[in-house]
Amino acid sequence: MAVVREFTLPDLGEGLTEATIVHWLVEVGEVVAIDQPVVEVETAKAMVEVPCPYGGVVTARFGEEGSEVPVGEPLVTVAVGAVPDDLAGAAPTTEPGSGTGAQGGAPDAGAVAAPPASATAPGSSAEGAADSGSGNVLVGYGTGAAAARRRRIRPGGASPLGGAHRAPGGAANGPAGAAAADHAPGGSGGVHAEAAHVAPAGAAGTTGANGIVGAGAEEAGSRTVPVISPLVRRMARENGLDLREVTGSGRDGLILRTDVECAIRERRERELPGAAPLSGRAVTPAAPLTGAGALPDEERIPLKGMVGAAAEKFSRSRREIPEATCWVDADATELLAARRAMNVPGAPKVSLLALLARICTAALARFPQLNATVDTKAQEIVRLPAVHLGFAAQTERGLVVPVVRDAHARTVEELSVEIARLTETARAGGLSLAELTHGTFTLNNYGVFGVDGSTPIINHPEAAMLGVGRIAAKPWVHEGELAVRQVVQLSLTFDHRVCDGGTAGGFLRFVADCVEQPALLLRTL
């Protein structure tokens, strides 16, 4: 007999209390193995895959893509040790209640094959696996063992498990769910399937290369609306747009964000006062489309997820830290020459950012006051023994600050390799929480944007940030003569509580001297 286990969103650490569902990695009725990732979520810190500690058949999913799930609320339920004859009773027992927000529920007997042996821990019974799980739900956003490859079980001729509804934190299979089941395709014994994820048997739909109905298909009467992006669905929903009226410009008619934006804009133009009404009657101007008090042409972007977390951190930094900024121009000609000399054929490549990082760690060794934080509760300055160097990286999802652990103990080549790895991972959206937190000093190379200077906001709760502008050819007095040199502006924003201007100036001057004369670094080795 199958044992149904409910897997809730685990504690994500760092005070995070919720996450946004980005993409479901499994479907209702699919067989999953222990520690297999079942959903990709976005927290205020990073995008991560969440592994499930149970192996078996997924009987329900809770939450649509794009919705927020609090920590402790259910993500999926899994029938551990389910076989076809047991699946009819595999649905979780719940109180009568409402019903929106989840897919899943009472499976159809015989619709799903029994889970393979790999779905449970080797050498253990199904009940044992159900009782204990893997014990490796999240360890730095991962599990102790590599997750098994996902297998999609699609018995021929049988529809996937249906979709009873359950409110977040509430009950499922209540009166509303029963009514849905009575009207579901296949008779009273069927269960309503959410077309955004699983299409009922026989329904028209868009299929992928593997023959599975597209994950973003929304059934609308006799036609299927191909939508994949949860952002597109949310945008249409918030603006009252019927996706059945939108023609997709993507592959196979896929509806893209630009299609929805164009449809919203065209509707606004039709509804503007004085526009020619389609019915020959006067058209009443449309109500605000995005929120109370919003003008028709306004665009409102919620401060949620990583954007909201960054906004809160910037605001907190300005509220709590009495910051000051000093800057200096430096001749970087010799630094560029040193980099060219290091990057000879066959040698490990060294980036300019790695050289600047090595200069920072040398400067912090001389001025440890800046590798610190302020404990406001204890009213103490805490000087930190190790340099965990953060560096600003721009990605499609916004600005992130990956952290190079123990940067003070790394060579220039090691710094270059680690910075490259973290940058690539950041752009792919795969940074873990551990790779984004607990920095002690930040290096911000805003010169890549083609600007000379900036007054950066300190990355709270750190005490300082070094900003580096673009390196550009400028007139410069070199050895008593006017020459064209490669000049860069360096700026240091620091917490005035941890040091005075003399310390900050000394730090910045040392950095500038090392940029101008890289050989000075040899004295710090």
Protein backbone atom coordinates (compact mmCIF):
# COMPACT_ATOMS: atom_id res chain seq x y z
CA MET A 1 0.00 0.00 0.00
CA ALA A 2 1.38 3.39 -0.97
CA VAL A 3 2.29 5.84 1.76
CA VAL A 4 1.70 9.49 0.80
CA ARG A 5 4.29 11.98 1.98
CA GLU A 6 3.95 15.75 1.79
CA PHE A 7 7.11 17.67 0.93
CA THR A 8 7.03 21.29 2.07
CA LEU A 9 9.27 24.17 1.02
CA PRO A 10 12.30 23.75 3.30
CA ASP A 11 14.07 26.44 5.29
CA LEU A 12 16.22 28.22 2.73
CA GLY A 13 18.48 29.93 5.26
CA GLU A 14 19.64 33.55 5.52
CA GLY A 15 16.28 34.59 6.95
CA LEU A 16 14.43 33.82 3.70
CA THR A 17 10.77 33.12 4.36
CA GLU A 18 9.39 32.52 0.89
CA ALA A 19 10.29 31.65 -2.69
CA THR A 20 8.72 32.13 -6.12
CA ILE A 21 8.02 29.08 -8.26
CA VAL A 22 9.83 29.58 -11.56
CA HIS A 23 9.49 26.22 -13.26
CA TRP A 24 8.11 22.82 -12.30
CA LEU A 25 10.55 20.03 -13.11
CA VAL A 26 8.04 17.21 -12.60
CA GLU A 27 4.42 16.60 -13.47
CA VAL A 28 1.61 14.97 -11.57
CA GLY A 29 1.80 11.25 -12.19
CA GLU A 30 5.53 11.25 -12.79
CA VAL A 31 7.81 8.86 -10.95
CA VAL A 32 10.59 10.62 -9.05
CA ALA A 33 13.66 9.30 -7.31
CA ILE A 34 14.95 10.27 -3.88
CA ASP A 35 16.71 13.66 -3.96
CA GLN A 36 15.51 14.40 -7.48
CA PRO A 37 14.90 18.13 -8.09
CA VAL A 38 11.17 18.71 -8.46
CA VAL A 39 10.89 22.49 -8.79
CA GLU A 40 13.04 25.49 -9.62
CA VAL A 41 12.42 28.43 -7.32
CA GLU A 42 13.74 31.96 -7.08
CA THR A 43 14.51 33.44 -3.71
CA ALA A 44 15.63 36.95 -2.91
CA LYS A 45 19.17 35.62 -3.25
CA ALA A 46 19.37 33.10 -6.08
CA MET A 47 17.62 30.68 -8.45
CA VAL A 48 17.85 27.12 -7.17
CA GLU A 49 16.46 23.64 -7.78
CA VAL A 50 14.78 22.06 -4.77
CA PRO A 51 15.23 18.28 -4.39
CA CYS A 52 12.54 16.08 -2.85
CA PRO A 53 13.62 13.62 -0.13
CA TYR A 54 11.01 11.03 -1.13
CA GLY A 55 10.89 8.63 -4.05
CA GLY A 56 7.63 7.54 -5.64
CA VAL A 57 4.76 8.91 -7.71
CA VAL A 58 3.92 12.62 -7.62
CA THR A 59 0.26 12.88 -6.66
CA ALA A 60 -0.09 16.65 -6.34
CA ARG A 61 1.74 19.90 -6.99
CA PHE A 62 0.94 23.05 -5.04
CA GLY A 63 1.32 26.49 -6.58
CA GLU A 64 1.44 27.75 -10.13
CA GLU A 65 4.56 29.00 -11.85
CA GLY A 66 5.05 32.61 -10.83
CA SER A 67 3.35 32.24 -7.46
CA GLU A 68 5.01 32.70 -4.09
CA VAL A 69 5.24 29.84 -1.60
CA PRO A 70 6.04 30.49 2.08
CA VAL A 71 8.56 28.28 3.83
CA GLY A 72 6.71 25.33 5.38
CA GLU A 73 3.90 25.29 2.81
CA PRO A 74 3.53 22.14 0.68
CA LEU A 75 5.24 21.84 -2.69
CA VAL A 76 4.34 18.28 -3.74
CA THR A 77 2.90 15.10 -2.34
CA VAL A 78 4.53 11.79 -3.24
CA ALA A 79 3.02 8.32 -3.05
CA VAL A 80 5.96 6.26 -1.83
CA GLY A 81 5.89 2.62 -2.91
CA ALA A 82 2.80 3.15 -5.06
CA VAL A 83 1.74 0.46 -7.52
CA PRO A 84 -1.13 0.77 -10.01
CA ASP A 85 -3.63 -0.91 -7.68
CA ASP A 86 -2.69 1.39 -4.81
CA LEU A 87 -2.86 4.70 -6.62
CA ALA A 88 -6.59 5.13 -6.20
CA GLY A 89 -6.06 5.66 -2.50
CA ALA A 90 -2.81 7.55 -2.74
CA ALA A 91 -4.28 11.02 -2.48
CA PRO A 92 -3.46 12.86 0.75
CA THR A 93 -6.21 13.02 3.32
CA THR A 94 -7.39 16.59 3.85
CA GLU A 95 -10.21 18.48 5.40
CA PRO A 96 -13.10 19.68 3.28
CA GLY A 97 -12.41 23.16 2.06
CA SER A 98 -11.75 25.40 -0.81
CA GLY A 99 -9.79 24.95 -3.77
CA THR A 100 -7.29 26.82 -5.88
CA GLY A 101 -3.58 26.70 -6.32
CA ALA A 102 -2.53 23.04 -6.71
CA GLN A 103 -2.52 20.38 -9.33
CA GLY A 104 -2.90 16.78 -8.34
CA GLY A 105 -5.14 14.81 -6.06
CA ALA A 106 -6.70 11.37 -6.28
CA PRO A 107 -4.92 9.48 -9.05
CA ASP A 108 -6.70 7.28 -11.53
CA ALA A 109 -6.00 3.61 -10.79
CA GLY A 110 -3.85 2.05 -13.43
CA ALA A 111 -2.88 5.37 -14.95
CA VAL A 112 0.70 5.29 -13.71
CA ALA A 113 3.27 2.53 -13.60
CA ALA A 114 4.92 1.55 -10.35
CA PRO A 115 8.05 3.52 -9.46
CA PRO A 116 11.33 1.89 -10.39
CA ALA A 117 13.73 0.53 -7.84
CA SER A 118 15.79 3.69 -8.09
CA ALA A 119 12.88 5.70 -6.72
CA THR A 120 13.66 4.52 -3.22
CA ALA A 121 16.88 4.29 -1.30
CA PRO A 122 18.88 1.16 -2.09
CA GLY A 123 18.37 -1.55 0.45
CA SER A 124 15.39 0.03 2.13
CA SER A 125 11.67 -0.62 1.99
CA ALA A 126 9.19 1.85 0.57
CA GLU A 127 7.80 2.50 4.02
CA GLY A 128 11.27 3.15 5.40
CA ALA A 129 11.96 5.64 2.68
CA ALA A 130 8.64 7.31 3.35
CA ASP A 131 9.35 7.62 7.03
CA SER A 132 12.83 9.07 6.79
CA GLY A 133 13.32 10.38 3.27
CA SER A 134 16.88 11.01 2.18
CA GLY A 135 17.85 13.32 5.00
CA ASN A 136 19.51 15.52 2.39
CA VAL A 137 16.78 17.97 1.46
CA LEU A 138 19.04 21.01 1.25
CA VAL A 139 22.71 21.18 2.05
CA GLY A 140 23.84 24.44 0.52
CA TYR A 141 20.98 24.06 -1.96
CA GLY A 142 21.99 20.54 -2.89
CA THR A 143 21.99 16.97 -1.69
CA GLY A 144 24.65 14.62 -0.61
CA ALA A 145 24.40 12.46 -3.73
CA ALA A 146 23.88 13.31 -7.35
CA ALA A 147 20.22 13.42 -8.27
CA ALA A 148 18.96 10.60 -10.47
CA ARG A 149 17.94 11.41 -13.98
CA ARG A 150 14.28 12.27 -14.23
CA ARG A 151 12.10 9.67 -15.93
CA ARG A 152 8.74 10.47 -17.39
CA ILE A 153 6.34 7.56 -17.14
CA ARG A 154 3.61 7.84 -19.76
CA PRO A 155 1.58 4.61 -19.97
CA GLY A 156 0.05 4.28 -23.39
CA GLY A 157 -3.55 5.36 -23.67
CA ALA A 158 -3.80 6.51 -20.07
CA SER A 159 -4.08 10.12 -19.10
CA PRO A 160 -1.79 11.55 -16.43
CA LEU A 161 -3.01 12.06 -12.93
CA GLY A 162 -5.62 14.70 -12.61
CA GLY A 163 -5.58 17.97 -10.74
CA ALA A 164 -7.63 18.43 -7.59
CA HIS A 165 -7.21 21.91 -6.17
CA ARG A 166 -5.83 22.89 -2.82
CA ALA A 167 -5.42 26.34 -1.37
CA PRO A 168 -1.95 27.15 0.00
CA GLY A 169 -1.89 25.90 3.55
CA GLY A 170 -5.52 24.85 3.22
CA ALA A 171 -7.49 21.77 2.25
CA ALA A 172 -8.03 19.84 -0.93
CA ASN A 173 -10.77 17.66 -2.37
CA GLY A 174 -13.44 19.87 -0.81
CA PRO A 175 -16.85 20.66 -2.31
CA ALA A 176 -15.33 22.76 -5.04
CA GLY A 177 -12.90 19.98 -5.90
CA ALA A 178 -15.71 17.43 -5.95
CA ALA A 179 -17.72 19.59 -8.31
CA ALA A 180 -14.72 19.87 -10.60
CA ALA A 181 -14.28 16.11 -10.52
CA ASP A 182 -17.92 15.54 -11.48
CA HIS A 183 -17.52 17.68 -14.57
CA ALA A 184 -14.08 16.45 -15.54
CA PRO A 185 -13.58 14.59 -18.82
CA GLY A 186 -14.08 10.93 -18.30
CA GLY A 187 -17.03 11.00 -15.92
CA SER A 188 -17.52 11.44 -12.20
CA GLY A 189 -14.49 9.35 -11.38
CA GLY A 190 -12.15 11.77 -13.17
CA VAL A 191 -10.35 14.72 -11.68
CA HIS A 192 -9.96 18.15 -13.29
CA ALA A 193 -6.52 18.56 -14.83
CA GLU A 194 -4.99 22.02 -15.07
CA ALA A 195 -4.29 22.55 -18.74
CA ALA A 196 -1.29 24.76 -18.02
CA HIS A 197 0.60 21.60 -17.09
CA VAL A 198 -1.31 18.45 -18.07
CA ALA A 199 -3.94 18.22 -20.77
CA PRO A 200 -6.83 15.78 -20.35
CA ALA A 201 -6.79 12.71 -22.55
CA GLY A 202 -8.06 13.51 -26.01
CA ALA A 203 -7.80 17.27 -25.62
CA ALA A 204 -6.20 19.23 -28.43
CA GLY A 205 -2.81 20.57 -27.41
CA THR A 206 0.65 21.48 -28.46
CA THR A 207 3.07 18.64 -28.07
CA GLY A 208 6.82 18.75 -27.87
CA ALA A 209 9.36 16.45 -29.45
CA ASN A 210 8.73 13.81 -26.81
CA GLY A 211 5.00 13.82 -27.38
CA ILE A 212 4.16 15.45 -24.06
CA VAL A 213 1.70 18.30 -23.99
CA GLY A 214 3.56 21.62 -23.69
CA ALA A 215 4.01 22.75 -20.12
CA GLY A 216 2.60 26.16 -20.88
CA ALA A 217 -0.51 25.15 -22.83
CA GLU A 218 -3.77 26.59 -21.51
CA GLU A 219 -6.90 24.88 -22.77
CA ALA A 220 -9.56 27.31 -23.92
CA GLY A 221 -12.57 25.49 -25.29
CA SER A 222 -11.60 23.83 -28.55
CA ARG A 223 -8.18 25.42 -28.95
CA THR A 224 -4.99 25.43 -26.95
CA VAL A 225 -3.22 28.66 -26.05
CA PRO A 226 0.55 28.04 -26.14
CA VAL A 227 2.10 29.98 -23.30
CA ILE A 228 5.27 28.93 -21.49
CA SER A 229 6.38 31.98 -19.52
CA PRO A 230 4.65 32.53 -16.17
CA LEU A 231 5.44 36.22 -16.61
CA VAL A 232 3.38 36.30 -19.79
CA ARG A 233 0.43 34.61 -18.11
CA ARG A 234 0.63 36.93 -15.14
CA MET A 235 0.86 40.03 -17.35
CA ALA A 236 -2.21 38.96 -19.29
CA ARG A 237 -4.12 38.12 -16.10
CA GLU A 238 -3.30 41.43 -14.38
CA ASN A 239 -4.40 43.40 -17.43
CA GLY A 240 -7.58 41.41 -18.05
CA LEU A 241 -6.38 40.11 -21.42
CA ASP A 242 -7.83 36.92 -22.86
CA LEU A 243 -4.90 34.95 -24.31
CA ARG A 244 -7.27 33.21 -26.73
CA GLU A 245 -7.46 36.53 -28.61
CA VAL A 246 -3.68 36.84 -28.95
CA THR A 247 -1.73 35.50 -31.90
CA GLY A 248 1.68 34.25 -30.87
CA SER A 249 4.74 35.27 -32.89
CA GLY A 250 6.99 32.58 -31.42
CA ARG A 251 7.76 29.15 -32.74
CA ASP A 252 4.65 27.02 -33.29
CA GLY A 253 2.50 30.02 -32.36
CA LEU A 254 4.07 30.46 -28.90
CA ILE A 255 2.80 33.63 -27.22
CA LEU A 256 5.69 35.86 -26.18
CA ARG A 257 5.82 38.84 -23.86
CA THR A 258 5.99 41.23 -26.81
CA ASP A 259 2.75 39.73 -28.15
CA VAL A 260 0.96 40.45 -24.89
CA GLU A 261 2.40 43.96 -24.67
CA CYS A 262 1.29 44.73 -28.22
CA ALA A 263 -2.21 43.39 -27.51
CA ILE A 264 -2.49 45.52 -24.36
CA ARG A 265 -1.25 48.59 -26.23
CA GLU A 266 -3.69 48.04 -29.10
CA ARG A 267 -6.57 47.68 -26.65
CA ARG A 268 -5.59 50.91 -24.93
CA GLU A 269 -5.55 52.74 -28.26
CA ARG A 270 -9.01 51.43 -29.10
CA GLU A 271 -10.34 52.50 -25.72
CA LEU A 272 -8.86 56.02 -25.74
CA PRO A 273 -11.45 58.85 -25.87
CA GLY A 274 -12.18 59.84 -29.45
CA ALA A 275 -11.05 56.56 -30.92
CA ALA A 276 -13.36 55.00 -33.47
CA PRO A 277 -15.45 52.43 -31.56
CA LEU A 278 -15.92 49.05 -33.15
CA SER A 279 -19.64 48.98 -32.33
CA GLY A 280 -20.41 52.57 -33.34
CA ARG A 281 -21.05 53.56 -29.72
CA ALA A 282 -18.96 55.78 -27.50
CA VAL A 283 -16.18 53.96 -25.72
CA THR A 284 -15.65 54.57 -22.02
CA PRO A 285 -11.95 55.05 -21.19
CA ALA A 286 -10.48 51.91 -19.71
CA ALA A 287 -9.83 51.67 -16.01
CA PRO A 288 -6.18 51.60 -14.91
CA LEU A 289 -4.68 48.33 -16.05
CA THR A 290 -2.00 47.75 -13.46
CA GLY A 291 -3.10 49.02 -10.08
CA ALA A 292 -5.20 51.47 -8.11
CA GLY A 293 -4.38 55.04 -9.07
CA ALA A 294 -2.13 54.02 -11.97
CA LEU A 295 -2.22 55.95 -15.21
CA PRO A 296 -2.84 54.00 -18.43
CA ASP A 297 0.72 54.55 -19.68
CA GLU A 298 2.42 53.64 -16.43
CA GLU A 299 4.47 50.50 -16.07
CA ARG A 300 4.70 49.09 -12.56
CA ILE A 301 7.37 46.57 -11.62
CA PRO A 302 6.90 44.78 -8.30
CA LEU A 303 9.84 45.03 -5.91
CA LYS A 304 9.95 41.29 -5.35
CA GLY A 305 12.50 38.53 -5.55
CA MET A 306 16.08 39.58 -6.26
CA VAL A 307 15.02 43.10 -7.32
CA GLY A 308 13.19 43.62 -4.04
CA ALA A 309 16.04 42.18 -2.00
CA ALA A 310 18.55 44.48 -3.70
CA ALA A 311 16.30 47.50 -3.15
CA GLU A 312 15.96 46.70 0.53
CA LYS A 313 19.70 46.22 0.90
CA PHE A 314 20.49 49.52 -0.79
CA SER A 315 17.97 51.33 1.39
CA ARG A 316 19.28 49.72 4.56
CA SER A 317 22.85 50.61 3.64
CA ARG A 318 21.95 54.26 3.23
CA ARG A 319 19.87 54.28 6.42
CA GLU A 320 22.46 52.65 8.67
CA ILE A 321 25.90 53.41 7.27
CA PRO A 322 27.45 56.90 7.50
CA GLU A 323 29.40 56.54 4.30
CA ALA A 324 32.01 58.77 2.73
CA THR A 325 33.79 58.57 -0.62
CA CYS A 326 37.29 59.49 -1.75
CA TRP A 327 38.79 58.99 -5.19
CA VAL A 328 42.01 59.30 -7.17
CA ASP A 329 43.18 58.99 -10.76
CA ALA A 330 45.91 56.45 -11.46
CA ASP A 331 48.10 55.58 -14.44
CA ALA A 332 47.24 51.98 -15.29
CA THR A 333 49.64 51.68 -18.23
CA GLU A 334 52.11 49.48 -16.33
CA LEU A 335 49.32 47.31 -14.92
CA LEU A 336 48.09 46.54 -18.44
CA ALA A 337 51.65 45.80 -19.52
CA ALA A 338 52.10 43.41 -16.57
CA ARG A 339 48.91 41.60 -17.56
CA ARG A 340 50.11 41.20 -21.13
CA ALA A 341 53.40 39.82 -19.87
CA MET A 342 51.61 37.29 -17.68
CA ASN A 343 49.27 36.10 -20.43
CA VAL A 344 51.92 34.43 -22.55
CA PRO A 345 50.98 31.40 -24.66
CA GLY A 346 50.65 28.29 -22.53
CA ALA A 347 50.29 30.16 -19.25
CA PRO A 348 47.00 30.44 -17.31
CA LYS A 349 45.04 33.50 -18.39
CA VAL A 350 44.85 36.30 -15.86
CA SER A 351 42.01 38.81 -15.97
CA LEU A 352 42.32 42.47 -15.12
CA LEU A 353 39.71 42.02 -12.40
CA ALA A 354 41.86 39.30 -10.83
CA LEU A 355 44.84 41.68 -10.71
CA LEU A 356 42.69 44.33 -9.05
CA ALA A 357 41.38 41.71 -6.62
CA ARG A 358 44.95 40.76 -5.69
CA ILE A 359 45.76 44.44 -5.13
CA CYS A 360 42.68 44.73 -2.87
CA THR A 361 43.70 41.79 -0.70
CA ALA A 362 47.21 43.24 -0.34
CA ALA A 363 45.74 46.62 0.63
CA LEU A 364 43.40 45.04 3.17
CA ALA A 365 46.35 43.26 4.75
CA ARG A 366 47.87 46.70 5.37
CA PHE A 367 44.60 48.35 6.36
CA PRO A 368 42.51 45.66 8.11
CA GLN A 369 40.16 48.32 9.49
CA LEU A 370 38.28 48.19 6.19
CA ASN A 371 37.76 44.42 6.29
CA ALA A 372 35.17 44.77 9.00
CA THR A 373 31.52 45.16 9.91
CA VAL A 374 29.61 46.98 12.63
CA ASP A 375 27.52 45.08 15.18
CA THR A 376 24.85 47.68 15.86
CA LYS A 377 23.26 45.70 18.70
CA ALA A 378 26.50 45.26 20.62
CA GLN A 379 27.82 48.64 19.45
CA GLU A 380 31.09 47.05 18.38
CA ILE A 381 33.33 47.13 15.32
CA VAL A 382 34.11 43.56 14.25
CA ARG A 383 37.35 43.16 12.30
CA LEU A 384 37.28 40.00 10.23
CA PRO A 385 40.25 37.64 9.91
CA ALA A 386 39.60 36.44 6.32
CA VAL A 387 38.91 38.38 3.14
CA HIS A 388 35.85 37.08 1.32
CA LEU A 389 35.93 39.31 -1.73
CA GLY A 390 32.68 40.12 -3.50
CA PHE A 391 32.59 41.52 -7.02
CA ALA A 392 29.65 43.06 -8.82
CA ALA A 393 28.38 41.09 -11.82
CA GLN A 394 25.61 42.21 -14.15
CA THR A 395 23.29 39.44 -15.35
CA GLU A 396 19.99 39.21 -17.20
CA ARG A 397 18.28 38.82 -13.84
CA GLY A 398 19.92 41.92 -12.44
CA LEU A 399 22.97 42.83 -10.38
CA VAL A 400 24.46 40.09 -8.22
CA VAL A 401 27.59 40.01 -6.05
CA PRO A 402 29.32 36.61 -6.09
CA VAL A 403 31.86 36.09 -3.32
CA VAL A 404 35.37 34.65 -3.68
CA ARG A 405 36.05 32.78 -0.44
CA ASP A 406 39.42 33.30 1.24
CA ALA A 407 40.60 35.64 -1.48
CA HIS A 408 43.56 36.67 0.67
CA ALA A 409 45.00 33.14 0.39
CA ARG A 410 44.71 32.87 -3.42
CA THR A 411 47.23 33.70 -6.11
CA VAL A 412 46.40 35.91 -9.07
CA GLU A 413 45.87 32.84 -11.24
CA GLU A 414 43.57 31.23 -8.66
CA LEU A 415 41.60 34.44 -8.30
CA SER A 416 41.19 34.65 -12.07
CA VAL A 417 39.89 31.08 -12.30
CA GLU A 418 37.41 31.53 -9.45
CA ILE A 419 36.14 34.88 -10.69
CA ALA A 420 35.56 33.39 -14.15
CA ARG A 421 33.71 30.41 -12.67
CA LEU A 422 31.47 32.55 -10.49
CA THR A 423 30.73 34.97 -13.34
CA GLU A 424 29.69 32.16 -15.67
CA THR A 425 27.53 30.59 -12.97
CA ALA A 426 25.92 33.96 -12.19
CA ARG A 427 24.96 34.53 -15.81
CA ALA A 428 23.44 31.07 -15.93
CA GLY A 429 21.42 31.85 -12.78
CA GLY A 430 22.97 28.98 -10.86
CA LEU A 431 24.72 30.67 -7.95
CA SER A 432 24.04 29.10 -4.58
CA LEU A 433 23.25 31.06 -1.46
CA ALA A 434 26.71 30.32 -0.10
CA GLU A 435 28.27 31.91 -3.20
CA LEU A 436 26.29 35.12 -2.75
CA THR A 437 26.60 35.84 0.95
CA HIS A 438 29.05 36.58 3.76
CA GLY A 439 31.35 38.86 1.77
CA THR A 440 33.64 41.18 3.73
CA PHE A 441 34.72 43.63 1.01
CA THR A 442 33.39 44.35 -2.50
CA LEU A 443 35.16 45.26 -5.73
CA ASN A 444 32.94 47.04 -8.24
CA ASN A 445 34.25 47.38 -11.80
CA TYR A 446 31.72 49.79 -13.29
CA GLY A 447 34.22 50.73 -15.99
CA VAL A 448 32.74 47.94 -18.13
CA PHE A 449 29.75 50.27 -18.64
CA GLY A 450 31.99 52.93 -20.14
CA VAL A 451 31.86 55.35 -17.20
CA ASP A 452 34.77 56.99 -15.41
CA GLY A 453 33.55 57.40 -11.85
CA SER A 454 30.86 56.55 -9.33
CA THR A 455 30.00 56.79 -5.65
CA PRO A 456 28.92 53.20 -4.99
CA ILE A 457 26.57 52.19 -2.19
CA ILE A 458 28.27 49.95 0.36
CA ASN A 459 27.16 46.34 0.25
CA HIS A 460 25.61 46.10 3.72
CA PRO A 461 26.84 44.90 6.23
CA GLU A 462 30.34 45.39 4.83
CA ALA A 463 32.39 48.48 5.62
CA ALA A 464 33.83 49.49 2.26
CA MET A 465 33.69 49.11 -1.51
CA LEU A 466 36.34 49.91 -4.12
CA GLY A 467 35.01 51.23 -7.42
CA VAL A 468 37.00 51.05 -10.66
CA GLY A 469 36.14 53.19 -13.68
CA ARG A 470 37.05 52.62 -17.30
CA ILE A 471 40.68 52.68 -18.37
CA ALA A 472 41.01 55.31 -21.10
CA ALA A 473 43.83 57.04 -22.95
CA LYS A 474 44.34 60.50 -21.43
CA PRO A 475 47.08 63.13 -21.29
CA TRP A 476 49.28 62.46 -18.27
CA VAL A 477 52.54 63.79 -16.90
CA HIS A 478 54.93 60.84 -17.00
CA GLU A 479 58.56 61.23 -15.90
CA GLY A 480 58.29 64.99 -16.18
CA GLU A 481 56.84 65.02 -19.68
CA LEU A 482 53.35 65.14 -21.08
CA ALA A 483 52.36 61.78 -22.53
CA VAL A 484 49.30 59.75 -23.49
CA ARG A 485 48.76 57.13 -20.78
CA GLN A 486 46.04 54.66 -19.80
CA VAL A 487 44.30 56.34 -16.87
CA VAL A 488 41.69 54.94 -14.48
CA GLN A 489 39.70 56.57 -11.69
CA LEU A 490 39.52 54.65 -8.40
CA SER A 491 36.93 55.46 -5.75
CA LEU A 492 36.56 54.12 -2.22
CA THR A 493 33.28 54.36 -0.33
CA PHE A 494 33.76 53.49 3.32
CA ASP A 495 31.87 53.34 6.60
CA HIS A 496 33.12 56.31 8.61
CA ARG A 497 32.42 54.39 11.83
CA VAL A 498 35.19 51.86 11.21
CA CYS A 499 37.95 54.30 10.27
CA ASP A 500 38.76 57.93 9.60
CA GLY A 501 39.77 59.61 6.36
CA GLY A 502 43.46 58.96 6.97
CA THR A 503 42.98 55.19 6.90
CA ALA A 504 40.70 55.34 3.88
CA GLY A 505 43.10 57.64 2.04
CA GLY A 506 46.04 55.39 2.89
CA PHE A 507 44.20 52.35 1.55
CA LEU A 508 43.24 54.07 -1.69
CA ARG A 509 46.71 55.51 -2.18
CA PHE A 510 48.26 52.06 -1.78
CA VAL A 511 45.84 50.64 -4.35
CA ALA A 512 46.67 53.45 -6.79
CA ASP A 513 50.41 52.95 -6.28
CA CYS A 514 50.09 49.23 -7.02
CA VAL A 515 48.08 50.03 -10.17
CA GLU A 516 50.81 52.39 -11.31
CA GLN A 517 53.70 50.15 -10.18
CA PRO A 518 52.56 46.50 -10.00
CA ALA A 519 56.02 45.50 -8.73
CA LEU A 520 55.03 46.96 -5.35
CA LEU A 521 52.91 43.84 -4.86
CA LEU A 522 56.13 41.85 -4.48
CA ARG A 523 56.72 43.58 -1.17
CA THR A 524 53.49 42.15 0.23
CA LEU A 525 54.23 38.52 -0.67
